[in-house]
């Protein structure tokens, strides 16, 4: 029985200009948190509540600001004020 699933991850994702800016400003920590958020979205039908504190807690970071910034400042996700998702 398969208990894990796969989603495509472009081998050159870090060369995207949005990701380059994320790396420049947040470093590898931000990049790792970005991919953890993407994994969580995949596990939740590609939508999560805009609850930065809960996401930060789940990802074991005390820096709620970095979570909020990754979600809102790099045009990597879309949101409707209540939920956010990835269009790619």
Protein backbone atom coordinates (compact mmCIF):
# COMPACT_ATOMS: atom_id res chain seq x y z
CA UNK A 1 0.00 0.00 0.00
CA UNK A 2 1.40 3.36 -1.02
CA UNK A 3 1.39 5.89 1.82
CA UNK A 4 3.32 8.69 0.13
CA UNK A 5 2.59 10.64 -3.01
CA UNK A 6 4.61 12.59 -5.52
CA UNK A 7 4.17 16.02 -7.03
CA UNK A 8 6.40 17.47 -9.71
CA UNK A 9 9.14 19.83 -8.66
CA UNK A 10 10.95 21.57 -11.47
CA UNK A 11 14.67 20.87 -11.21
CA UNK A 12 15.39 24.53 -11.94
CA UNK A 13 12.82 26.07 -9.59
CA UNK A 14 15.47 28.12 -7.83
CA UNK A 15 16.30 29.94 -11.07
CA UNK A 16 12.83 31.54 -11.19
CA UNK A 17 13.11 35.30 -10.54
CA UNK A 18 10.54 35.18 -7.72
CA UNK A 19 12.48 32.39 -6.01
CA UNK A 20 15.79 34.21 -6.57
CA UNK A 21 14.37 37.23 -4.74
CA UNK A 22 13.10 34.97 -1.94
CA UNK A 23 16.57 33.42 -1.64
CA UNK A 24 18.24 36.85 -1.68
CA UNK A 25 16.02 38.19 1.10
CA UNK A 26 15.24 35.10 3.21
CA UNK A 27 18.10 32.75 2.38
CA UNK A 28 17.89 28.99 2.33
CA UNK A 29 15.63 29.09 5.38
CA UNK A 30 13.01 30.93 3.34
CA UNK A 31 13.47 28.53 0.43
CA UNK A 32 13.01 25.51 2.69
CA UNK A 33 9.94 27.04 4.33
CA UNK A 34 8.52 27.82 0.88
CA UNK A 35 8.77 24.16 -0.14
CA UNK A 36 7.32 23.02 3.19
CA UNK A 37 4.34 25.32 2.55
CA UNK A 38 3.97 23.89 -0.98
CA UNK A 39 3.98 20.37 0.47
CA UNK A 40 1.29 21.37 2.99
CA UNK A 41 -0.81 22.87 0.22
CA UNK A 42 -0.52 19.64 -1.76
CA UNK A 43 -1.73 17.69 1.27
CA UNK A 44 -4.72 20.03 1.71
CA UNK A 45 -6.33 20.28 -1.73
CA UNK A 46 -4.11 23.29 -2.59
CA UNK A 47 -5.70 25.68 -0.08
CA UNK A 48 -4.83 26.64 3.49
CA UNK A 49 -6.23 29.26 5.84
CA UNK A 50 -4.21 32.47 6.13
CA UNK A 51 -3.21 31.58 9.69
CA UNK A 52 0.46 32.50 9.83
CA UNK A 53 0.91 31.54 13.48
CA UNK A 54 -0.44 28.03 12.93
CA UNK A 55 1.69 27.54 9.84
CA UNK A 56 4.79 28.79 11.68
CA UNK A 57 4.06 26.45 14.59
CA UNK A 58 3.52 23.51 12.23
CA UNK A 59 6.81 24.25 10.44
CA UNK A 60 8.66 24.66 13.75
CA UNK A 61 9.63 28.28 13.35
CA UNK A 62 8.92 31.03 15.84
CA UNK A 63 9.25 33.64 13.10
CA UNK A 64 5.66 34.21 12.03
CA UNK A 65 6.84 37.19 9.97
CA UNK A 66 8.87 35.04 7.59
CA UNK A 67 5.83 32.84 6.93
CA UNK A 68 3.66 35.88 6.26
CA UNK A 69 6.31 37.34 3.97
CA UNK A 70 6.80 34.13 1.95
CA UNK A 71 3.06 33.85 1.41
CA UNK A 72 2.43 37.52 0.57
CA UNK A 73 5.57 39.29 -0.67
CA UNK A 74 6.90 37.26 -3.60
CA UNK A 75 3.84 36.64 -5.78
CA UNK A 76 4.33 32.89 -5.24
CA UNK A 77 0.82 32.36 -3.87
CA UNK A 78 -2.64 33.82 -4.40
CA UNK A 79 -5.19 34.51 -1.66
CA UNK A 80 -8.71 35.73 -1.12
CA UNK A 81 -8.19 37.16 2.35
CA UNK A 82 -9.15 33.93 4.09
CA UNK A 83 -7.28 31.18 2.23
CA UNK A 84 -4.17 31.00 0.08
CA UNK A 85 -3.11 28.62 -2.69
CA UNK A 86 -0.60 28.09 -5.46
CA UNK A 87 -1.60 28.46 -9.08
CA UNK A 88 1.35 26.46 -10.36
